Protein backbone atom coordinates (compact mmCIF):
# COMPACT_ATOMS: atom_id res chain seq x y z
CA MET A 1 -34.27 37.52 32.37
CA THR A 2 -35.78 40.46 30.47
CA SER A 3 -37.90 40.59 27.38
CA PRO A 4 -36.15 41.50 24.11
CA TYR A 5 -38.76 44.23 23.73
CA ALA A 6 -38.07 45.75 27.14
CA ARG A 7 -36.92 49.33 27.46
CA THR A 8 -33.16 49.83 27.47
CA LEU A 9 -31.91 50.57 30.97
CA PRO A 10 -29.76 53.66 31.56
CA PRO A 11 -26.08 52.95 32.27
CA LEU A 12 -24.82 52.78 35.83
CA ARG A 13 -21.58 54.53 36.74
CA ASP A 14 -19.78 55.67 39.88
CA LEU A 15 -21.51 53.17 42.14
CA PRO A 16 -20.58 52.91 45.82
CA ALA A 17 -19.17 49.69 47.20
CA PRO A 18 -21.93 47.08 47.58
CA PRO A 19 -22.93 46.53 51.21
CA ARG A 20 -22.47 43.11 52.74
CA LEU A 21 -25.52 41.22 53.88
CA PRO A 22 -25.66 40.09 57.52
CA LEU A 23 -24.45 36.57 58.08
CA GLU A 24 -27.17 34.03 58.85
CA ASP A 25 -26.66 30.93 60.94
CA PRO A 26 -27.55 27.82 58.88
CA GLU A 27 -28.62 26.12 62.12
CA LEU A 28 -31.49 28.64 62.40
CA VAL A 29 -32.92 28.17 58.91
CA PRO A 30 -36.65 27.47 59.31
CA PRO A 31 -37.72 23.93 58.34
CA ALA A 32 -40.05 25.27 55.66
CA GLN A 33 -36.97 26.57 53.79
CA ILE A 34 -35.15 23.20 53.81
CA MET A 35 -35.49 20.97 50.75
CA LEU A 36 -35.18 17.51 52.26
CA ASP A 37 -36.29 16.13 55.60
CA SER A 38 -32.84 14.95 56.70
CA ARG A 39 -29.36 14.13 55.54
CA ARG A 40 -30.30 10.46 55.82
CA GLU A 41 -32.99 10.97 53.19
CA LEU A 42 -30.41 12.53 50.86
CA THR A 43 -28.09 9.55 51.40
CA LEU A 44 -30.95 7.15 50.61
CA ARG A 45 -31.70 9.04 47.42
CA LEU A 46 -28.06 8.77 46.44
CA LEU A 47 -28.11 5.04 47.14
CA ARG A 48 -31.24 4.54 45.06
CA ALA A 49 -29.63 6.38 42.13
CA ALA A 50 -26.22 4.74 42.61
CA TRP A 51 -26.70 1.85 40.19
CA VAL A 52 -25.66 3.92 37.17
CA PRO A 53 -22.60 5.40 38.96
CA ALA A 54 -21.71 1.86 40.04
CA LEU A 55 -21.71 0.71 36.41
CA LEU A 56 -19.62 3.71 35.39
CA LEU A 57 -17.13 3.02 38.17
CA VAL A 58 -16.90 -0.67 37.20
CA ALA A 59 -16.08 0.35 33.63
CA LEU A 60 -13.58 2.95 34.90
CA TRP A 61 -11.74 0.45 37.11
CA LEU A 62 -11.63 -2.05 34.26
CA VAL A 63 -10.02 0.61 32.05
CA LEU A 64 -7.58 1.49 34.83
CA TRP A 65 -6.61 -2.18 35.26
CA CYS A 66 -5.91 -2.47 31.52
CA LEU A 67 -3.83 0.71 31.60
CA PHE A 68 -1.88 -0.49 34.63
CA VAL A 69 -0.98 -3.75 32.86
CA LEU A 70 -0.33 -2.23 29.43
CA GLY A 71 1.45 0.79 30.90
CA SER A 72 4.50 -1.27 31.82
CA ALA A 73 5.37 -1.53 28.10
CA PRO A 74 2.53 -0.59 25.69
CA THR A 75 4.42 -1.27 22.46
CA MET A 76 5.76 -4.60 23.74
CA TRP A 77 2.28 -5.71 24.78
CA THR A 78 0.87 -4.73 21.39
CA LEU A 79 3.58 -6.67 19.53
CA SER A 80 3.18 -9.68 21.79
CA LEU A 81 -0.60 -9.75 21.32
CA LEU A 82 -0.21 -9.54 17.54
CA PHE A 83 2.48 -12.20 17.27
CA GLY A 84 0.83 -14.27 19.99
CA LEU A 85 -2.00 -15.07 17.63
CA ALA A 86 0.45 -17.19 15.65
CA GLU A 87 2.73 -18.24 18.55
CA PRO A 88 0.94 -18.32 21.96
CA LEU A 89 4.19 -19.13 23.73
CA LEU A 90 5.51 -15.64 22.91
CA LEU A 91 2.69 -14.00 24.87
CA SER A 92 3.43 -16.18 27.89
CA GLN A 93 7.09 -15.23 27.73
CA THR A 94 6.22 -11.52 27.59
CA VAL A 95 3.91 -11.85 30.62
CA ALA A 96 6.68 -13.49 32.62
CA ALA A 97 9.36 -11.06 31.40
CA LEU A 98 7.33 -8.02 32.52
CA GLY A 99 6.80 -9.40 36.03
CA PHE A 100 3.20 -10.65 35.71
CA SER A 101 1.66 -14.10 36.03
CA ARG A 102 -1.38 -15.54 34.29
CA GLY A 103 -3.07 -16.48 37.56
CA ALA A 104 -2.63 -13.05 39.10
CA LEU A 105 -3.85 -11.32 35.94
CA GLY A 106 -6.94 -13.53 35.70
CA LEU A 107 -7.84 -13.05 39.36
CA SER A 108 -7.22 -9.30 39.38
CA VAL A 109 -9.27 -8.64 36.25
CA LEU A 110 -12.27 -10.16 38.05
CA LEU A 111 -11.78 -8.72 41.53
CA VAL A 112 -10.56 -5.17 40.80
CA PRO A 113 -13.60 -3.97 38.75
CA LEU A 114 -16.00 -5.57 41.26
CA LEU A 115 -14.41 -4.58 44.59
CA ALA A 116 -12.66 -1.30 43.82
CA PRO A 117 -15.92 0.63 43.09
CA LEU A 118 -16.92 -0.05 46.70
CA LEU A 119 -14.25 2.48 47.71
CA SER A 120 -16.14 5.19 45.85
CA LEU A 121 -19.61 4.05 46.91
CA ALA A 122 -18.49 4.13 50.54
CA THR A 123 -18.07 7.91 50.19
CA LEU A 124 -21.78 8.51 49.49
CA PRO A 125 -22.48 9.67 53.09
CA LEU A 126 -19.62 12.15 52.73
CA ALA A 127 -21.10 13.36 49.43
CA ALA A 128 -24.49 13.80 51.13
CA TRP A 129 -22.84 15.81 53.91
CA ARG A 130 -21.16 18.11 51.37
CA VAL A 131 -24.38 18.68 49.41
CA ALA A 132 -26.55 19.17 52.51
CA ALA A 133 -24.58 22.29 53.49
CA LEU A 134 -25.31 24.10 50.21
CA ASP A 135 -27.37 27.30 50.35
CA PRO A 136 -29.33 27.68 47.09
CA ALA A 137 -30.04 31.36 47.74
CA ALA A 138 -26.32 32.12 48.07
CA GLN A 139 -25.67 30.88 44.51
CA LEU A 140 -25.99 33.57 41.87
CA SER A 141 -28.05 31.43 39.48
CA GLU A 142 -29.96 28.18 39.49
CA GLN A 143 -27.49 26.73 37.01
CA VAL A 144 -24.58 27.46 39.36
CA PHE A 145 -26.42 25.78 42.23
CA GLN A 146 -27.26 22.65 40.25
CA ARG A 147 -23.69 22.43 38.95
CA ALA A 148 -22.39 22.71 42.51
CA VAL A 149 -24.58 19.81 43.61
CA ALA A 150 -23.41 17.54 40.79
CA SER A 151 -19.75 18.61 41.13
CA ARG A 152 -19.60 17.93 44.86
CA ILE A 153 -21.05 14.45 44.44
CA SER A 154 -18.85 13.46 41.48
CA SER A 155 -15.64 14.83 43.03
CA THR A 156 -16.32 12.89 46.23
CA LEU A 157 -16.94 9.64 44.36
CA LEU A 158 -13.80 10.05 42.24
CA ALA A 159 -11.49 11.06 45.09
CA PRO A 160 -10.49 7.42 45.89
CA VAL A 161 -9.77 6.80 42.19
CA LEU A 162 -7.46 9.81 41.97
CA ALA A 163 -5.72 8.75 45.18
CA VAL A 164 -5.01 5.30 43.73
CA ILE A 165 -3.65 6.80 40.48
CA ALA A 166 -1.39 9.19 42.42
CA LEU A 167 -0.13 6.36 44.66
CA THR A 168 0.61 4.21 41.61
CA ALA A 169 2.56 7.04 39.95
CA VAL A 170 4.58 7.65 43.13
CA LEU A 171 5.42 3.95 43.48
CA GLY A 172 6.48 3.88 39.84
CA ALA A 173 8.73 6.91 40.29
CA VAL A 174 10.48 5.59 43.43
CA GLY A 175 10.77 2.02 42.15
CA GLY A 176 8.07 0.53 44.36
CA PRO A 177 6.70 -3.01 44.23
CA ILE A 178 4.86 -2.63 40.92
CA PRO A 179 5.90 -4.00 37.51
CA TRP A 180 6.85 -0.57 36.13
CA ASN A 181 10.42 0.30 35.20
CA GLY A 182 10.22 3.79 36.68
CA LEU A 183 7.99 6.44 35.12
CA GLY A 184 8.99 5.77 31.53
CA ALA A 185 7.09 6.73 28.43
CA GLY A 186 4.71 3.78 28.80
CA PRO A 187 3.68 4.46 32.42
CA LEU A 188 3.34 8.20 31.73
CA MET A 189 1.10 7.41 28.76
CA ALA A 190 -0.99 5.17 31.02
CA VAL A 191 -1.29 7.92 33.66
CA CYS A 192 -2.43 10.44 31.03
CA LEU A 193 -5.08 8.06 29.70
CA ALA A 194 -6.18 7.18 33.25
CA LEU A 195 -6.77 10.84 34.11
CA LEU A 196 -8.67 11.36 30.86
CA ALA A 197 -10.84 8.34 31.74
CA VAL A 198 -11.50 9.85 35.18
CA GLN A 199 -12.60 13.12 33.57
CA ALA A 200 -14.94 11.30 31.19
CA THR A 201 -16.42 9.32 34.10
CA GLY A 202 -16.88 12.53 36.08
CA ALA A 203 -18.89 14.01 33.21
CA GLY A 204 -21.16 10.95 33.23
CA LEU A 205 -21.59 11.11 37.01
CA ARG A 206 -22.49 14.80 36.92
CA ARG A 207 -25.05 14.20 34.21
CA TRP A 208 -26.78 11.37 36.09
CA LEU A 209 -26.49 12.65 39.68
CA GLY A 210 -27.98 16.06 38.94
CA ALA A 211 -30.06 18.20 41.26
CA PRO A 212 -33.37 17.59 39.42
CA ARG A 213 -33.02 13.83 39.92
CA LEU A 214 -31.80 13.93 43.52
CA LEU A 215 -33.53 16.97 44.99
CA GLY A 216 -36.66 17.15 42.83
CA VAL A 217 -36.03 20.74 41.69
CA SER A 218 -37.00 22.02 38.25
CA PRO A 219 -34.34 21.73 35.54
CA VAL A 220 -32.73 24.96 34.38
CA GLY A 221 -34.18 24.57 30.87
CA GLU A 222 -37.70 24.29 32.25
CA LEU A 223 -37.25 27.40 34.39
CA ARG A 224 -35.88 29.29 31.40
CA ARG A 225 -38.88 28.31 29.26
CA THR A 226 -41.27 29.39 32.00
CA ALA A 227 -39.46 32.72 32.38
CA LEU A 228 -39.61 33.40 28.63
CA ILE A 229 -42.92 31.95 27.39
CA GLY A 230 -44.92 31.09 30.52
CA GLN A 231 -48.66 31.78 30.41
CA ASP A 232 -48.92 33.20 33.94
CA PRO A 233 -47.16 36.58 34.39
CA GLY A 234 -46.56 35.87 38.08
CA ALA A 235 -45.01 32.51 37.31
CA ARG A 236 -42.79 34.15 34.70
CA ARG A 237 -41.52 36.69 37.22
CA GLU A 238 -40.90 34.02 39.87
CA ALA A 239 -39.06 31.79 37.41
CA ALA A 240 -36.91 34.69 36.18
CA ALA A 241 -36.01 35.68 39.75
CA GLN A 242 -35.15 32.08 40.64
CA LEU A 243 -33.17 31.58 37.46
CA LEU A 244 -30.71 34.45 37.92
CA ALA A 245 -30.06 37.10 40.55
CA SER A 246 -28.55 40.50 39.91
CA ASP A 247 -24.85 40.53 40.80
CA ARG A 248 -24.09 43.59 42.92
CA ARG A 249 -20.30 43.05 42.79
CA HIS A 250 -19.49 45.59 40.10
CA LEU A 251 -16.16 45.89 38.31
CA PRO A 252 -13.97 47.84 38.63
CA PRO A 253 -14.30 48.02 42.42
CA THR A 254 -14.94 51.36 44.04
CA PRO A 255 -11.59 53.10 44.76
CA GLY A 256 -10.59 52.73 48.38
CA SER A 257 -13.07 49.93 49.06
CA GLU A 258 -12.20 46.53 50.51
CA ALA A 259 -12.38 44.88 47.08
CA ASP A 260 -9.96 47.39 45.54
CA GLY A 261 -6.63 45.60 45.75
CA ALA A 262 -8.10 42.42 47.29
CA GLY A 263 -6.56 40.33 44.52
CA LEU A 264 -3.13 40.72 46.17
CA THR A 265 -4.28 39.74 49.66
CA ARG A 266 -3.95 36.23 51.04
CA ALA A 267 -7.68 35.52 50.76
CA GLY A 268 -7.85 36.95 47.24
CA MET A 269 -4.90 34.87 46.02
CA LEU A 270 -6.43 31.73 47.53
CA ARG A 271 -9.71 32.45 45.74
CA ALA A 272 -7.73 33.00 42.54
CA LEU A 273 -6.11 29.57 42.84
CA VAL A 274 -9.53 27.98 43.36
CA ALA A 275 -10.97 29.77 40.32
CA ILE A 276 -8.01 28.89 38.08
CA GLY A 277 -8.09 25.29 39.29
CA GLY A 278 -11.76 24.99 38.44
CA ALA A 279 -11.21 26.41 34.96
CA SER A 280 -8.23 24.09 34.38
CA ARG A 281 -10.52 21.07 34.49
CA ARG A 282 -12.28 22.33 31.38
CA TRP A 283 -9.36 23.84 29.47
CA PHE A 284 -5.85 23.02 30.65
CA TRP A 285 -5.89 19.40 31.76
CA PRO A 286 -7.85 17.83 28.86
CA ALA A 287 -5.52 19.42 26.29
CA LEU A 288 -2.36 18.66 28.29
CA LEU A 289 -3.33 15.04 28.95
CA ALA A 290 -4.29 14.42 25.33
CA GLY A 291 -0.99 15.90 24.16
CA GLY A 292 0.90 13.86 26.75
CA TRP A 293 -0.79 10.67 25.60
CA LEU A 294 0.27 11.26 21.98
CA THR A 295 3.80 12.31 22.93
CA PHE A 296 4.48 9.40 25.28
CA SER A 297 2.93 6.89 22.87
CA VAL A 298 5.36 7.93 20.14
CA ALA A 299 8.24 8.01 22.64
CA ASP A 300 7.47 4.48 23.87
CA LEU A 301 7.33 3.23 20.29
CA VAL A 302 10.71 4.77 19.46
CA LEU A 303 12.35 3.61 22.70
CA THR A 304 11.04 0.07 22.36
CA PHE A 305 12.32 -0.40 18.83
CA SER A 306 15.61 1.19 19.86
CA GLY A 307 15.89 -1.34 22.67
CA LEU A 308 15.06 -4.19 20.32
CA ALA A 309 17.82 -3.15 17.95
CA ALA A 310 20.42 -2.37 20.63
CA THR A 311 20.09 -4.72 23.61
CA GLU A 312 17.08 -6.79 24.57
CA LEU A 313 13.33 -6.57 24.67
CA THR A 314 12.90 -5.24 28.21
CA ALA A 315 15.78 -2.76 28.24
CA VAL A 316 13.76 0.42 27.83
CA PRO A 317 15.19 3.47 29.67
CA SER A 318 13.12 5.47 32.15
CA PRO A 319 13.11 9.23 31.42
CA LEU A 320 11.53 10.17 34.78
CA GLY A 321 13.17 8.54 37.77
CA PRO A 322 13.08 9.54 41.45
CA VAL A 323 15.72 12.26 41.00
CA GLN A 324 13.98 13.87 38.03
CA ALA A 325 10.63 13.71 39.82
CA ALA A 326 12.18 15.32 42.91
CA VAL A 327 13.38 18.20 40.74
CA MET A 328 10.26 18.73 38.63
CA LEU A 329 7.57 18.39 41.33
CA PRO A 330 8.68 21.42 43.42
CA VAL A 331 9.05 23.52 40.26
CA ALA A 332 5.54 22.54 39.16
CA LEU A 333 4.09 23.43 42.58
CA LEU A 334 5.87 26.79 42.65
CA THR A 335 4.62 27.56 39.14
CA ALA A 336 1.04 26.81 40.21
CA LEU A 337 1.41 29.02 43.29
CA ALA A 338 2.87 31.81 41.14
CA LEU A 339 -0.49 32.03 39.36
CA ALA A 340 -2.18 33.22 42.57
CA PRO A 341 -1.25 36.95 42.31
CA VAL A 342 -1.98 37.10 38.56
CA PRO A 343 -5.53 38.56 38.91
CA GLY A 344 -4.36 41.19 41.39
CA LEU A 345 -1.43 42.23 39.18
CA ALA A 346 -3.70 42.35 36.12
CA ALA A 347 -6.12 44.61 38.00
CA ARG A 348 -3.27 47.02 38.74
CA LEU A 349 -2.09 47.03 35.14
CA VAL A 350 -5.53 47.91 33.69
CA GLU A 351 -6.28 50.65 36.21
CA GLY A 352 -6.02 53.25 33.46
CA ARG A 353 -9.13 51.86 31.74
CA ARG A 354 -11.39 52.74 34.65
CA GLY A 355 -12.58 55.94 33.01
CA ALA A 356 -13.60 54.15 29.81
CA VAL A 357 -16.27 52.05 31.57
CA SER A 358 -19.75 53.06 30.42
CA ASP A 359 -21.88 50.63 32.48
CA LEU A 360 -21.12 48.76 35.69
CA ARG A 361 -23.93 46.22 35.38
CA THR A 362 -22.97 42.55 35.34
CA TYR A 363 -24.48 41.43 32.07
CA GLU A 364 -24.83 37.70 31.53
CA ASP A 365 -23.60 37.89 27.94
CA TRP A 366 -19.82 38.29 27.86
CA SER A 367 -19.72 40.16 24.53
CA HIS A 368 -22.09 42.81 25.92
CA ARG A 369 -20.16 43.00 29.17
CA ALA A 370 -16.82 43.41 27.39
CA ARG A 371 -18.25 46.14 25.15
CA VAL A 372 -19.48 48.34 27.99
CA ASN A 373 -16.71 47.50 30.48
CA PRO A 374 -13.22 47.79 28.93
CA TRP A 375 -11.69 47.47 32.40
CA GLU A 376 -13.02 43.93 32.83
CA SER A 377 -12.13 42.88 29.28
CA GLY A 378 -8.61 44.24 29.84
CA LEU A 379 -8.38 42.35 33.14
CA VAL A 380 -9.21 39.09 31.33
CA ALA A 381 -6.75 39.70 28.49
CA VAL A 382 -3.84 40.86 30.66
CA GLY A 383 -4.46 38.05 33.15
CA GLY A 384 -4.31 35.49 30.35
CA TRP A 385 -0.98 36.82 29.08
CA LEU A 386 0.47 36.90 32.60
CA GLY A 387 -0.66 33.33 33.25
CA ALA A 388 0.94 32.11 30.04
CA GLY A 389 4.17 33.91 30.95
CA VAL A 390 4.26 32.32 34.42
CA VAL A 391 3.87 28.80 32.99
CA ALA A 392 6.52 29.49 30.31
CA ALA A 393 8.91 30.67 33.00
CA GLY A 394 8.27 27.53 35.04
CA ILE A 395 8.99 25.28 32.06
CA ALA A 396 12.21 27.20 31.32
CA VAL A 397 13.37 26.91 34.96
CA ALA A 398 12.69 23.17 35.11
CA THR A 399 14.47 22.53 31.80
CA THR A 400 17.47 24.61 32.90
CA ILE A 401 17.79 22.75 36.19
CA LEU A 402 17.67 19.36 34.44
CA ALA A 403 20.27 20.52 31.90
CA VAL A 404 22.65 21.94 34.54
CA THR A 405 22.44 18.88 36.79
CA GLY A 406 22.99 16.48 33.89
CA LEU A 407 19.61 14.79 34.35
CA HIS A 408 18.35 15.68 30.89
CA SER A 409 17.85 13.37 27.95
CA ALA A 410 16.47 13.55 24.45
CA MET A 411 12.96 13.13 25.88
CA THR A 412 13.55 16.09 28.21
CA TRP A 413 14.01 18.48 25.29
CA SER A 414 11.09 17.03 23.32
CA GLY A 415 8.87 17.28 26.43
CA ALA A 416 9.89 20.90 26.97
CA VAL A 417 9.02 21.76 23.36
CA VAL A 418 5.64 20.07 23.63
CA LEU A 419 4.88 21.88 26.89
CA LEU A 420 5.86 25.24 25.41
CA LEU A 421 3.65 24.68 22.38
CA LEU A 422 0.70 23.23 24.27
CA ALA A 423 0.75 24.06 27.98
CA VAL A 424 1.66 27.75 27.66
CA PRO A 425 -1.24 28.83 25.39
CA MET A 426 -3.69 26.60 27.27
CA ALA A 427 -2.57 28.14 30.55
CA GLY A 428 -3.29 31.60 29.15
CA LEU A 429 -6.74 30.52 28.00
CA THR A 430 -7.42 28.89 31.37
CA VAL A 431 -6.57 32.02 33.37
CA ALA A 432 -8.62 34.17 30.97
CA ALA A 433 -11.62 31.83 31.30
CA ALA A 434 -11.30 31.84 35.10
CA LEU A 435 -11.28 35.65 35.24
CA ARG A 436 -14.15 35.94 32.77
CA ARG A 437 -16.26 33.78 35.04
CA ASP A 438 -14.96 34.42 38.58
CA ALA A 439 -13.17 37.78 38.59
CA ARG A 440 -15.81 39.17 40.97
CA THR A 441 -15.41 36.21 43.29
CA VAL A 442 -11.64 36.73 43.38
CA LEU A 443 -11.93 40.42 44.30
CA TYR A 444 -15.11 40.47 46.38
CA GLY A 445 -15.63 36.94 47.65
CA PRO A 446 -18.69 34.69 47.18
CA ALA A 447 -21.79 36.23 45.64
CA GLY A 448 -23.89 35.19 48.65
CA ARG A 449 -22.20 37.85 50.77
CA TYR A 450 -23.86 40.61 48.76
CA THR A 451 -27.08 39.23 47.29
CA ARG A 452 -29.70 36.54 47.89
CA ARG A 453 -31.42 34.81 45.02
CA ALA A 454 -35.22 34.55 45.17
CA THR A 455 -35.60 30.85 45.89
CA PRO A 456 -37.96 29.10 48.32
CA PHE A 457 -35.11 27.16 49.94
CA ARG A 458 -32.12 28.18 52.02
CA LEU A 459 -30.66 24.75 52.78
CA VAL A 460 -30.63 21.34 51.12
CA ALA A 461 -30.88 19.25 54.30
CA PRO A 462 -30.43 19.80 58.06
CA SER A 463 -26.93 19.25 59.39
CA ARG A 464 -28.37 16.96 62.06
CA GLY A 465 -31.78 15.53 62.84
CA THR A 466 -34.92 16.11 60.80
CA ARG A 467 -37.01 19.11 59.89
CA ALA A 468 -39.56 18.20 62.57
CA GLN A 469 -36.83 18.10 65.21
CA ARG A 470 -35.55 21.44 63.99
CA ALA A 471 -39.07 22.88 64.23
CA ALA A 472 -39.13 21.88 67.90
CA ASP A 473 -35.82 23.61 68.63
CA PRO A 474 -36.49 26.67 70.84
CA ALA A 475 -33.82 28.71 69.06
CA VAL A 476 -35.37 27.96 65.67
CA ARG A 477 -38.86 28.78 66.98
CA ALA A 478 -37.60 32.10 68.31
CA GLU A 479 -36.05 32.85 64.90
CA MET A 480 -39.35 31.96 63.18
CA ARG A 481 -41.23 34.36 65.48
CA ARG A 482 -38.70 37.08 64.78
CA ARG A 483 -39.20 36.65 61.03
CA ILE A 484 -42.99 36.67 61.41
CA ALA A 485 -42.74 39.89 63.39
CA ALA A 486 -40.46 41.39 60.74
CA GLU A 487 -43.09 40.55 58.12
CA GLY A 488 -45.80 42.33 60.11
CA GLY A 489 -47.17 39.41 62.12
CA ASP A 490 -48.01 39.20 65.81
CA PRO A 491 -45.26 37.40 67.69
CA PHE A 492 -46.99 37.94 71.07
CA GLY A 493 -50.09 36.12 69.95
CA LEU A 494 -48.00 33.29 68.69
CA ARG A 495 -46.20 33.15 72.00
CA ASP A 496 -49.51 32.92 73.89
CA LEU A 497 -50.79 30.18 71.62
CA ASP A 498 -47.54 28.30 72.03
CA ALA A 499 -47.83 28.42 75.79
CA GLU A 500 -51.56 27.63 76.10
CA ALA A 501 -52.63 25.60 73.08
CA GLY A 502 -49.30 24.09 71.96
CA ASP A 503 -49.32 25.67 68.52
CA ARG A 504 -47.05 24.42 65.77
CA LEU A 505 -45.30 27.15 63.81
CA TRP A 506 -44.47 24.64 61.07
CA VAL A 507 -46.16 21.42 59.96
CA ASP A 508 -44.52 18.83 57.75
CA ASP A 509 -47.06 18.28 54.98
CA SER A 510 -45.60 14.90 54.07
CA GLN A 511 -46.14 13.40 57.55
CA PRO A 512 -49.41 11.65 58.46
CA GLY A 513 -51.48 13.07 61.25
CA ALA A 514 -50.85 16.72 60.41
CA ARG A 515 -53.89 18.61 61.81
CA ALA A 516 -55.13 21.32 59.44
CA ALA A 517 -58.07 21.89 57.12
CA GLU A 518 -56.22 20.93 53.96
CA VAL A 519 -55.45 17.74 52.08
CA ARG A 520 -52.05 16.28 52.98
CA PRO A 521 -50.45 13.50 50.91
CA GLY A 522 -49.33 11.50 53.96
CA ASP A 523 -52.91 11.40 55.36
CA VAL A 524 -54.52 10.45 52.06
CA GLU A 525 -52.11 7.56 51.57
CA GLN A 526 -53.16 6.13 54.96
CA GLY A 527 -56.86 6.76 54.42
CA LEU A 528 -57.14 9.72 56.80
CA LEU A 529 -59.56 12.42 55.67
CA PRO A 530 -58.70 16.12 56.01
CA ASP A 531 -59.93 17.98 59.07
CA PHE A 532 -62.70 20.39 58.04
CA GLY A 533 -63.68 21.40 61.58
CA GLY A 534 -66.29 18.74 62.31
CA GLU A 535 -67.26 17.20 65.63
CA GLY A 536 -64.28 16.73 67.91
CA SER A 537 -62.03 18.87 65.77
CA PRO A 538 -59.86 21.53 67.38
CA PHE A 539 -60.83 23.79 64.48
CA SER A 540 -64.57 23.72 65.26
CA ALA A 541 -66.08 26.86 66.71
CA PRO A 542 -66.46 26.75 70.52
CA GLY A 543 -69.96 26.54 71.93
CA GLU A 544 -71.65 25.13 68.82
CA ASP A 545 -73.83 22.06 69.21
CA ALA A 546 -73.01 19.57 66.51
CA TYR A 547 -75.97 17.50 65.21
CA GLU A 548 -75.69 14.09 63.66
CA ILE A 549 -76.14 13.52 59.95
CA PRO A 550 -79.71 12.22 59.25
CA GLU A 551 -80.06 8.80 57.70
CA THR A 552 -83.14 9.67 55.59
CA VAL A 553 -84.55 12.77 53.97
CA THR A 554 -87.58 12.70 56.23
CA ARG A 555 -85.35 13.49 59.21
CA LEU A 556 -83.93 16.65 57.67
CA PRO A 557 -84.64 19.71 59.81
CA ARG A 558 -87.30 22.04 58.45
CA PRO A 559 -86.42 25.71 57.91
């Protein structure tokens, strides 16, 4: 964060490859740089804040139950509910014709929303384990760190829900023991709405289970205000350093360096898939699922009325059976994997723009970055076009296979047209957004390999035990002495004190009984006064004779 009145910095060009920082063992992080006392404390905080996620999950499972029931034949259910107001017997006939029973529906609508959320709540210890391993200093900004905390918790809680939706879709495709006639228009519409409901629930979970609520850190907005308009200059500098670190991974990479051409290596392509997958949650999937919901709703309406006019009420054809699914699933997976080399190929295609770069700094504002770095803006644009072309090719291959094998139908052609009009441009925008945000991660790797953000913490919680137990670990104590010596301290004196007087290199301020001449919250809560070096205190000077406090003024010693 810099002031708008600050002096303009000179441009940086022809930089060498950024050096990698030495790897640090998270098991040797000093206890003073760990946010929480233990992973158990993090789990307890999650449990105390879990009442809102529990309500969201109950509402989600209720929506999923309704979609599962209505997905068998949405238009038929709607007509039966409307006409059932005048003739209740018609609704009973529809329930029986679709393979349901009143008793089972009544029991399931009560049990599913109450018991199914327990599957997600049972994953809270796993969510705590995933969050505890985060290194705040390795994240490029405070906002990225807090998003990572919320994303890891929400994705863990929603993993059982996604597994149930996937299992239901597979059973519907193979004709399993569920009241769906294959993956027809109605079930596909229900799956699209279910995934949209999961995304909406995930947004609510991330908003509630944020880092400020769980870890007690300052919100990003508060840090930004302090960095911009804080009264204390030192506090402004600390807040600005904690808010955002300078990214040393410049683009384009230095010719001949490890990052030059890393987009076409196995690790680079894997990082590209992760980046594109993360961007697809914000761009590709919401648009595709919304379009699928509208398309399959209209298709179910048309197919239902066609069945009413031609045969009988329940004779609605299934456009996606086991054979069609067996053909389309491998094509979809291969198309997704074909996106992996897109960033590396785009970097090769824009190599001619390297000489037009006027500044290699990583500016936070994209418009400024694109203006001074035509190579990076070209990488984003070319990568977006390549991504759209890959998805278009995948749709064309799948449609051709279905047409050649005779597995196509009228819905196949309409689905292909919708995908070409919707999925192809959204795929291009998704790849462009992923490269705009994570092109450096794809080519270089995580930002924590090259820079450390100025934050007081290096770990959220210990992997095992507590901070006090970690402080007693000889390996951790040796690492603490090494750091004190690197900062100009006296490690030999500390070693002598440790051997003779049992010194403590770290004291947990929140624990009662901590011996030091300062007020500690744990002592005050239990009525223990701070140690100011009085009689019997280890901090009193040796050889001094302590005198008792006089009861009256007449007993005061005279000068």
